Amino acid sequence: MGGSYFFIFVFEGLNPCMIMRRILILFALICLLPLQSVVAQKKPEVKLGLKFAPNLSFMTTSTQGYSSNGVKFGGVVGLVSDFYFAEHYAFSTGFNFSFLGGKITYADKVMQDTSLVSGIINNNLSFVYIEIPLMIKMFTKKFGKFSFFGQIGFGTGFRIVAHSNQEFIGSKGFSTNEQYDYKGETTLIRESVIVGLGTEFYLDQSTRLFLGFGYSNSLNNILKGFNFATGLNQKGYLNYAELNLGIMF
């Protein structure tokens, strides 16, 4: 009974995305408990580095009548910080500028003179986020000058730029192509799950080059507002895959 009350208290009133996040955090804490004695005996090591990651980003949507319409090329630049709590385990965080985007297509209505005109909107979205990842990174032992790693965790992004280029193709030959500041139509925060794999090449005892692949999957809807034609709330999720390149000192 006591365990049941605990889980009701922890997860009551949360949406599925937040429940998943709390479950993963609890799982990570449980996995780390056996390492407490190791942490106490070993002096923590900190590695700092720089990262550049070209990416392909895209929007997915769960709103009826909406569809994804392609990927966009972007990139992530930032600082990487690895805080080792055991020989092959580290907390990995940082500070990134993430340039992302996506394309969605849907039926809607726009104002022409004094009346609404029905048509199709091709919405090309561009974003810039300041993102703070928090991950567990796990390393293999060295094989010559190489080691390999996997990482999993969460990212919290704060939107600083949101831009929309909308092409409207309406009835009776009416069409427009307009650009908008889209901050009012998007959420400030993007929460995500991040996974990745990679390798490090040791230049010397402390300096390493790294190469890896990562994927960031959005946990929350980043769109606000509703569709004028259907009255449905807009829902969109911004995801991306990236090629990580960088150096650790």
C-alpha atoms as a PDB file:
ATOM      1  CA  MET A   1       0.000   0.000   0.000  1.00  0.00           C
ATOM      2  CA  GLY A   2       2.790   2.393   0.880  1.00  0.00           C
ATOM      3  CA  GLY A   3       4.468   1.856  -2.507  1.00  0.00           C
ATOM      4  CA  SER A   4       1.166   2.510  -4.297  1.00  0.00           C
ATOM      5  CA  TYR A   5       0.705   5.823  -2.475  1.00  0.00           C
ATOM      6  CA  PHE A   6       4.274   6.807  -3.377  1.00  0.00           C
ATOM      7  CA  PHE A   7       3.717   6.314  -7.112  1.00  0.00           C
ATOM      8  CA  ILE A   8       0.364   8.116  -6.994  1.00  0.00           C
ATOM      9  CA  PHE A   9       2.117  11.080  -5.316  1.00  0.00           C
ATOM     10  CA  VAL A  10       5.026  11.134  -7.806  1.00  0.00           C
ATOM     11  CA  PHE A  11       2.997  10.818 -11.010  1.00  0.00           C
ATOM     12  CA  GLU A  12      -0.413  12.276 -10.149  1.00  0.00           C
ATOM     13  CA  GLY A  13      -1.555  15.014 -12.548  1.00  0.00           C
ATOM     14  CA  LEU A  14       1.372  14.650 -14.975  1.00  0.00           C
ATOM     15  CA  ASN A  15       1.114  14.233 -18.733  1.00  0.00           C
ATOM     16  CA  PRO A  16       2.679  11.105 -20.328  1.00  0.00           C
ATOM     17  CA  CYS A  17       5.867  12.954 -21.387  1.00  0.00           C
ATOM     18  CA  MET A  18       6.595  14.140 -17.856  1.00  0.00           C
ATOM     19  CA  ILE A  19       5.781  10.692 -16.435  1.00  0.00           C
ATOM     20  CA  MET A  20       8.327   9.144 -18.835  1.00  0.00           C
ATOM     21  CA  ARG A  21      10.930  11.713 -17.824  1.00  0.00           C
ATOM     22  CA  ARG A  22      10.450  11.044 -14.093  1.00  0.00           C
ATOM     23  CA  ILE A  23      10.579   7.282 -14.600  1.00  0.00           C
ATOM     24  CA  LEU A  24      13.892   7.580 -16.478  1.00  0.00           C
ATOM     25  CA  ILE A  25      15.338   9.890 -13.811  1.00  0.00           C
ATOM     26  CA  LEU A  26      14.358   7.457 -11.047  1.00  0.00           C
ATOM     27  CA  PHE A  27      15.842   4.556 -13.023  1.00  0.00           C
ATOM     28  CA  ALA A  28      19.120   6.461 -13.496  1.00  0.00           C
ATOM     29  CA  LEU A  29      19.334   7.256  -9.780  1.00  0.00           C
ATOM     30  CA  ILE A  30      18.750   3.615  -8.854  1.00  0.00           C
ATOM     31  CA  CYS A  31      21.475   2.508 -11.287  1.00  0.00           C
ATOM     32  CA  LEU A  32      23.923   5.016  -9.790  1.00  0.00           C
ATOM     33  CA  LEU A  33      23.472   3.955  -6.159  1.00  0.00           C
ATOM     34  CA  PRO A  34      26.070   1.125  -6.356  1.00  0.00           C
ATOM     35  CA  LEU A  35      28.639   3.634  -7.598  1.00  0.00           C
ATOM     36  CA  GLN A  36      28.538   5.817  -4.472  1.00  0.00           C
ATOM     37  CA  SER A  37      31.504   4.064  -2.854  1.00  0.00           C
ATOM     38  CA  VAL A  38      33.534   4.452  -6.074  1.00  0.00           C
ATOM     39  CA  VAL A  39      32.779   8.156  -6.211  1.00  0.00           C
ATOM     40  CA  ALA A  40      33.889   8.599  -2.609  1.00  0.00           C
ATOM     41  CA  GLN A  41      37.249   6.927  -3.298  1.00  0.00           C
ATOM     42  CA  LYS A  42      38.066   8.546  -6.659  1.00  0.00           C
ATOM     43  CA  LYS A  43      38.842  12.204  -7.194  1.00  0.00           C
ATOM     44  CA  PRO A  44      36.372  13.568  -9.777  1.00  0.00           C
ATOM     45  CA  GLU A  45      37.801  14.469 -13.192  1.00  0.00           C
ATOM     46  CA  VAL A  46      36.346  17.203 -15.394  1.00  0.00           C
ATOM     47  CA  LYS A  47      36.813  17.412 -19.160  1.00  0.00           C
ATOM     48  CA  LEU A  48      35.779  20.455 -21.193  1.00  0.00           C
ATOM     49  CA  GLY A  49      35.454  20.655 -24.931  1.00  0.00           C
ATOM     50  CA  LEU A  50      33.896  22.237 -27.987  1.00  0.00           C
ATOM     51  CA  LYS A  51      31.368  20.708 -30.344  1.00  0.00           C
ATOM     52  CA  PHE A  52      30.046  21.321 -33.845  1.00  0.00           C
ATOM     53  CA  ALA A  53      27.217  19.127 -35.116  1.00  0.00           C
ATOM     54  CA  PRO A  54      25.541  19.438 -38.520  1.00  0.00           C
ATOM     55  CA  ASN A  55      22.013  18.078 -38.298  1.00  0.00           C
ATOM     56  CA  LEU A  56      18.857  17.161 -40.155  1.00  0.00           C
ATOM     57  CA  SER A  57      15.709  18.282 -38.327  1.00  0.00           C
ATOM     58  CA  PHE A  58      12.044  17.668 -39.035  1.00  0.00           C
ATOM     59  CA  MET A  59       8.580  18.204 -37.606  1.00  0.00           C
ATOM     60  CA  THR A  60       6.090  15.474 -36.757  1.00  0.00           C
ATOM     61  CA  THR A  61       2.476  16.228 -35.930  1.00  0.00           C
ATOM     62  CA  SER A  62      -0.515  14.502 -34.379  1.00  0.00           C
ATOM     63  CA  THR A  63      -3.126  17.032 -35.549  1.00  0.00           C
ATOM     64  CA  GLN A  64      -5.657  15.562 -37.956  1.00  0.00           C
ATOM     65  CA  GLY A  65      -5.088  16.870 -41.489  1.00  0.00           C
ATOM     66  CA  TYR A  66      -1.485  17.949 -40.774  1.00  0.00           C
ATOM     67  CA  SER A  67       1.528  16.209 -42.322  1.00  0.00           C
ATOM     68  CA  SER A  68       5.307  16.491 -42.218  1.00  0.00           C
ATOM     69  CA  ASN A  69       6.751  17.923 -45.421  1.00  0.00           C
ATOM     70  CA  GLY A  70      10.496  17.281 -45.431  1.00  0.00           C
ATOM     71  CA  VAL A  71      13.675  17.897 -43.467  1.00  0.00           C
ATOM     72  CA  LYS A  72      15.851  20.966 -42.958  1.00  0.00           C
ATOM     73  CA  PHE A  73      19.619  21.229 -42.651  1.00  0.00           C
ATOM     74  CA  GLY A  74      20.930  22.976 -39.550  1.00  0.00           C
ATOM     75  CA  GLY A  75      23.582  22.686 -36.887  1.00  0.00           C
ATOM     76  CA  VAL A  76      24.511  22.795 -33.218  1.00  0.00           C
ATOM     77  CA  VAL A  77      27.553  24.565 -31.749  1.00  0.00           C
ATOM     78  CA  GLY A  78      28.459  24.660 -28.104  1.00  0.00           C
ATOM     79  CA  LEU A  79      30.434  23.682 -25.031  1.00  0.00           C
ATOM     80  CA  VAL A  80      30.698  20.102 -23.733  1.00  0.00           C
ATOM     81  CA  SER A  81      31.392  19.328 -20.057  1.00  0.00           C
ATOM     82  CA  ASP A  82      32.007  15.789 -18.801  1.00  0.00           C
ATOM     83  CA  PHE A  83      32.102  15.251 -15.027  1.00  0.00           C
ATOM     84  CA  TYR A  84      33.524  11.800 -14.293  1.00  0.00           C
ATOM     85  CA  PHE A  85      32.182  10.026 -11.218  1.00  0.00           C
ATOM     86  CA  ALA A  86      33.925   6.711 -12.041  1.00  0.00           C
ATOM     87  CA  GLU A  87      36.610   5.574 -14.473  1.00  0.00           C
ATOM     88  CA  HIS A  88      34.208   4.863 -17.338  1.00  0.00           C
ATOM     89  CA  TYR A  89      31.163   6.920 -16.358  1.00  0.00           C
ATOM     90  CA  ALA A  90      30.442  10.648 -16.530  1.00  0.00           C
ATOM     91  CA  PHE A  91      27.670  13.177 -16.229  1.00  0.00           C
ATOM     92  CA  SER A  92      27.693  15.050 -19.534  1.00  0.00           C
ATOM     93  CA  THR A  93      26.189  18.504 -19.922  1.00  0.00           C
ATOM     94  CA  GLY A  94      26.941  21.690 -21.803  1.00  0.00           C
ATOM     95  CA  PHE A  95      25.586  24.817 -23.386  1.00  0.00           C
ATOM     96  CA  ASN A  96      24.474  24.652 -27.028  1.00  0.00           C
ATOM     97  CA  PHE A  97      23.083  26.937 -29.689  1.00  0.00           C
ATOM     98  CA  SER A  98      20.795  24.716 -31.762  1.00  0.00           C
ATOM     99  CA  PHE A  99      19.651  25.791 -35.248  1.00  0.00           C
ATOM    100  CA  LEU A 100      16.637  23.647 -36.129  1.00  0.00           C
ATOM    101  CA  GLY A 101      13.589  23.626 -38.346  1.00  0.00           C
ATOM    102  CA  GLY A 102      10.861  21.648 -40.036  1.00  0.00           C
ATOM    103  CA  LYS A 103       8.128  21.784 -42.652  1.00  0.00           C
ATOM    104  CA  ILE A 104       4.438  20.961 -42.222  1.00  0.00           C
ATOM    105  CA  THR A 105       1.500  21.105 -44.620  1.00  0.00           C
ATOM    106  CA  TYR A 106      -2.179  21.509 -43.714  1.00  0.00           C
ATOM    107  CA  ALA A 107      -5.505  22.934 -44.848  1.00  0.00           C
ATOM    108  CA  ASP A 108      -6.471  26.272 -43.297  1.00  0.00           C
ATOM    109  CA  LYS A 109      -8.148  29.600 -43.971  1.00  0.00           C
ATOM    110  CA  VAL A 110      -6.600  33.057 -44.362  1.00  0.00           C
ATOM    111  CA  MET A 111      -8.135  36.496 -44.553  1.00  0.00           C
ATOM    112  CA  GLN A 112      -8.511  38.055 -48.013  1.00  0.00           C
ATOM    113  CA  ASP A 113      -9.965  41.536 -47.847  1.00  0.00           C
ATOM    114  CA  THR A 114     -12.993  40.974 -45.582  1.00  0.00           C
ATOM    115  CA  SER A 115     -13.546  37.229 -46.044  1.00  0.00           C
ATOM    116  CA  LEU A 116     -11.803  33.974 -45.201  1.00  0.00           C
ATOM    117  CA  VAL A 117     -10.399  31.922 -48.077  1.00  0.00           C
ATOM    118  CA  SER A 118      -9.791  28.154 -47.797  1.00  0.00           C
ATOM    119  CA  GLY A 119      -6.585  26.593 -49.063  1.00  0.00           C
ATOM    120  CA  ILE A 120      -3.385  24.715 -48.286  1.00  0.00           C
ATOM    121  CA  ILE A 121      -0.523  26.145 -46.199  1.00  0.00           C
ATOM    122  CA  ASN A 122       3.079  24.969 -46.603  1.00  0.00           C
ATOM    123  CA  ASN A 123       4.662  26.170 -43.364  1.00  0.00           C
ATOM    124  CA  ASN A 124       8.476  26.306 -43.358  1.00  0.00           C
ATOM    125  CA  LEU A 125       9.632  26.805 -39.750  1.00  0.00           C
ATOM    126  CA  SER A 126      13.072  27.853 -38.458  1.00  0.00           C
ATOM    127  CA  PHE A 127      14.175  27.951 -34.809  1.00  0.00           C
ATOM    128  CA  VAL A 128      17.155  28.820 -32.652  1.00  0.00           C
ATOM    129  CA  TYR A 129      17.309  27.303 -29.167  1.00  0.00           C
ATOM    130  CA  ILE A 130      19.696  27.625 -26.264  1.00  0.00           C
ATOM    131  CA  GLU A 131      19.833  24.013 -25.118  1.00  0.00           C
ATOM    132  CA  ILE A 132      21.198  22.474 -21.926  1.00  0.00           C
ATOM    133  CA  PRO A 133      21.610  18.682 -22.119  1.00  0.00           C
ATOM    134  CA  LEU A 134      21.967  16.457 -19.049  1.00  0.00           C
ATOM    135  CA  MET A 135      23.118  12.930 -19.851  1.00  0.00           C
ATOM    136  CA  ILE A 136      24.867   9.859 -18.531  1.00  0.00           C
ATOM    137  CA  LYS A 137      27.876   8.971 -20.709  1.00  0.00           C
ATOM    138  CA  MET A 138      29.394   5.468 -20.583  1.00  0.00           C
ATOM    139  CA  PHE A 139      32.855   4.677 -22.007  1.00  0.00           C
ATOM    140  CA  THR A 140      34.622   1.482 -22.995  1.00  0.00           C
ATOM    141  CA  LYS A 141      38.256   0.859 -22.106  1.00  0.00           C
ATOM    142  CA  LYS A 142      40.866   2.131 -24.585  1.00  0.00           C
ATOM    143  CA  PHE A 143      41.673   0.107 -27.694  1.00  0.00           C
ATOM    144  CA  GLY A 144      44.997   1.587 -28.749  1.00  0.00           C
ATOM    145  CA  LYS A 145      44.234   5.292 -29.116  1.00  0.00           C
ATOM    146  CA  PHE A 146      40.468   4.798 -29.395  1.00  0.00           C
ATOM    147  CA  SER A 147      37.627   4.389 -26.948  1.00  0.00           C
ATOM    148  CA  PHE A 148      33.882   4.204 -27.592  1.00  0.00           C
ATOM    149  CA  PHE A 149      30.953   5.681 -25.725  1.00  0.00           C
ATOM    150  CA  GLY A 150      27.185   5.718 -25.482  1.00  0.00           C
ATOM    151  CA  GLN A 151      25.056   8.398 -23.877  1.00  0.00           C
ATOM    152  CA  ILE A 152      21.441   8.926 -22.902  1.00  0.00           C
ATOM    153  CA  GLY A 153      19.601  11.706 -21.138  1.00  0.00           C
ATOM    154  CA  PHE A 154      17.427  14.758 -21.506  1.00  0.00           C
ATOM    155  CA  GLY A 155      17.668  18.170 -23.125  1.00  0.00           C
ATOM    156  CA  THR A 156      15.917  21.405 -22.216  1.00  0.00           C
ATOM    157  CA  GLY A 157      15.850  24.039 -24.948  1.00  0.00           C
ATOM    158  CA  PHE A 158      14.824  27.674 -24.605  1.00  0.00           C
ATOM    159  CA  ARG A 159      13.527  29.160 -27.843  1.00  0.00           C
ATOM    160  CA  ILE A 160      15.133  32.494 -28.737  1.00  0.00           C
ATOM    161  CA  VAL A 161      14.154  32.661 -32.448  1.00  0.00           C
ATOM    162  CA  ALA A 162      11.069  31.326 -34.222  1.00  0.00           C
ATOM    163  CA  HIS A 163      10.491  32.212 -37.868  1.00  0.00           C
ATOM    164  CA  SER A 164       7.821  31.046 -40.319  1.00  0.00           C
ATOM    165  CA  ASN A 165       7.757  31.252 -44.117  1.00  0.00           C
ATOM    166  CA  GLN A 166       4.210  30.384 -45.162  1.00  0.00           C
ATOM    167  CA  GLU A 167       3.094  29.640 -48.692  1.00  0.00           C
ATOM    168  CA  PHE A 168      -0.698  29.703 -49.028  1.00  0.00           C
ATOM    169  CA  ILE A 169      -2.339  28.168 -52.094  1.00  0.00           C
ATOM    170  CA  GLY A 170      -6.010  29.083 -52.060  1.00  0.00           C
ATOM    171  CA  SER A 171      -9.082  28.628 -54.160  1.00  0.00           C
ATOM    172  CA  LYS A 172      -9.833  30.730 -57.250  1.00  0.00           C
ATOM    173  CA  GLY A 173      -6.127  31.278 -57.939  1.00  0.00           C
ATOM    174  CA  PHE A 174      -5.472  33.273 -54.766  1.00  0.00           C
ATOM    175  CA  SER A 175      -2.029  32.620 -53.229  1.00  0.00           C
ATOM    176  CA  THR A 176       0.400  34.359 -50.889  1.00  0.00           C
ATOM    177  CA  ASN A 177       3.929  33.866 -49.561  1.00  0.00           C
ATOM    178  CA  GLU A 178       4.480  35.607 -46.241  1.00  0.00           C
ATOM    179  CA  GLN A 179       7.128  35.608 -43.512  1.00  0.00           C
ATOM    180  CA  TYR A 180       6.272  35.884 -39.824  1.00  0.00           C
ATOM    181  CA  ASP A 181       7.866  36.072 -36.406  1.00  0.00           C
ATOM    182  CA  TYR A 182       6.450  32.853 -34.959  1.00  0.00           C
ATOM    183  CA  LYS A 183       7.285  33.249 -31.263  1.00  0.00           C
ATOM    184  CA  GLY A 184       3.647  33.831 -30.365  1.00  0.00           C
ATOM    185  CA  GLU A 185       2.672  30.546 -32.036  1.00  0.00           C
ATOM    186  CA  THR A 186       5.317  28.375 -30.342  1.00  0.00           C
ATOM    187  CA  THR A 187       6.211  27.363 -26.789  1.00  0.00           C
ATOM    188  CA  LEU A 188       9.229  28.831 -25.028  1.00  0.00           C
ATOM    189  CA  ILE A 189      10.581  25.436 -23.904  1.00  0.00           C
ATOM    190  CA  ARG A 190      11.351  22.257 -25.838  1.00  0.00           C
ATOM    191  CA  GLU A 191      11.950  19.119 -23.753  1.00  0.00           C
ATOM    192  CA  SER A 192      13.632  16.115 -25.367  1.00  0.00           C
ATOM    193  CA  VAL A 193      15.167  12.690 -24.896  1.00  0.00           C
ATOM    194  CA  ILE A 194      18.716  12.447 -26.296  1.00  0.00           C
ATOM    195  CA  VAL A 195      20.603   9.286 -27.251  1.00  0.00           C
ATOM    196  CA  GLY A 196      23.989   8.936 -28.919  1.00  0.00           C
ATOM    197  CA  LEU A 197      26.955   6.751 -29.807  1.00  0.00           C
ATOM    198  CA  GLY A 198      30.490   7.753 -30.666  1.00  0.00           C
ATOM    199  CA  THR A 199      34.222   7.295 -30.442  1.00  0.00           C
ATOM    200  CA  GLU A 200      37.138   9.287 -29.017  1.00  0.00           C
ATOM    201  CA  PHE A 201      40.660   9.429 -30.450  1.00  0.00           C
ATOM    202  CA  TYR A 202      43.427  10.291 -27.948  1.00  0.00           C
ATOM    203  CA  LEU A 203      45.915  12.842 -29.281  1.00  0.00           C
ATOM    204  CA  ASP A 204      47.777  12.736 -25.945  1.00  0.00           C
ATOM    205  CA  GLN A 205      47.019  12.036 -22.279  1.00  0.00           C
ATOM    206  CA  SER A 206      44.414  14.796 -21.976  1.00  0.00           C
ATOM    207  CA  THR A 207      43.375  15.881 -25.499  1.00  0.00           C
ATOM    208  CA  ARG A 208      40.847  13.870 -27.478  1.00  0.00           C
ATOM    209  CA  LEU A 209      38.955  14.252 -30.739  1.00  0.00           C
ATOM    210  CA  PHE A 210      35.452  12.813 -30.837  1.00  0.00           C
ATOM    211  CA  LEU A 211      33.029  11.733 -33.524  1.00  0.00           C
ATOM    212  CA  GLY A 212      29.519  10.486 -32.922  1.00  0.00           C
ATOM    213  CA  PHE A 213      25.896  10.283 -33.928  1.00  0.00           C
ATOM    214  CA  GLY A 214      23.024  11.614 -31.850  1.00  0.00           C
ATOM    215  CA  TYR A 215      19.253  11.779 -31.963  1.00  0.00           C
ATOM    216  CA  SER A 216      16.981  14.205 -30.098  1.00  0.00           C
ATOM    217  CA  ASN A 217      13.292  13.313 -29.809  1.00  0.00           C
ATOM    218  CA  SER A 218      10.883  15.998 -28.643  1.00  0.00           C
ATOM    219  CA  LEU A 219       8.735  15.199 -25.601  1.00  0.00           C
ATOM    220  CA  ASN A 220       6.361  18.138 -25.786  1.00  0.00           C
ATOM    221  CA  ASN A 221       4.229  19.900 -28.354  1.00  0.00           C
ATOM    222  CA  ILE A 222       5.952  23.130 -29.436  1.00  0.00           C
ATOM    223  CA  LEU A 223       3.027  24.647 -31.372  1.00  0.00           C
ATOM    224  CA  LYS A 224       0.261  26.818 -29.956  1.00  0.00           C
ATOM    225  CA  GLY A 225      -2.985  28.107 -31.414  1.00  0.00           C
ATOM    226  CA  PHE A 226      -5.619  26.374 -33.524  1.00  0.00           C
ATOM    227  CA  ASN A 227      -6.570  25.765 -37.137  1.00  0.00           C
ATOM    228  CA  PHE A 228      -9.156  28.238 -38.474  1.00  0.00           C
ATOM    229  CA  ALA A 229     -10.605  25.692 -40.912  1.00  0.00           C
ATOM    230  CA  THR A 230     -11.116  22.804 -38.467  1.00  0.00           C
ATOM    231  CA  GLY A 231     -10.929  24.407 -35.028  1.00  0.00           C
ATOM    232  CA  LEU A 232      -8.392  21.767 -33.938  1.00  0.00           C
ATOM    233  CA  ASN A 233      -5.451  22.656 -31.701  1.00  0.00           C
ATOM    234  CA  GLN A 234      -2.108  22.549 -33.485  1.00  0.00           C
ATOM    235  CA  LYS A 235       0.378  19.907 -32.308  1.00  0.00           C
ATOM    236  CA  GLY A 236       3.938  19.647 -33.586  1.00  0.00           C
ATOM    237  CA  TYR A 237       7.093  17.907 -32.349  1.00  0.00           C
ATOM    238  CA  LEU A 238      10.583  18.988 -33.417  1.00  0.00           C
ATOM    239  CA  ASN A 239      13.169  16.195 -33.757  1.00  0.00           C
ATOM    240  CA  TYR A 240      16.663  15.990 -35.209  1.00  0.00           C
ATOM    241  CA  ALA A 241      19.580  13.676 -35.982  1.00  0.00           C
ATOM    242  CA  GLU A 242      23.106  15.027 -35.777  1.00  0.00           C
ATOM    243  CA  LEU A 243      26.731  14.191 -36.555  1.00  0.00           C
ATOM    244  CA  ASN A 244      28.831  15.239 -33.554  1.00  0.00           C
ATOM    245  CA  LEU A 245      32.372  16.528 -34.151  1.00  0.00           C
ATOM    246  CA  GLY A 246      34.558  18.064 -31.485  1.00  0.00           C
ATOM    247  CA  ILE A 247      37.548  18.142 -29.198  1.00  0.00           C
ATOM    248  CA  MET A 248      37.945  17.578 -25.447  1.00  0.00           C
ATOM    249  CA  PHE A 249      40.767  19.112 -23.407  1.00  0.00           C
END
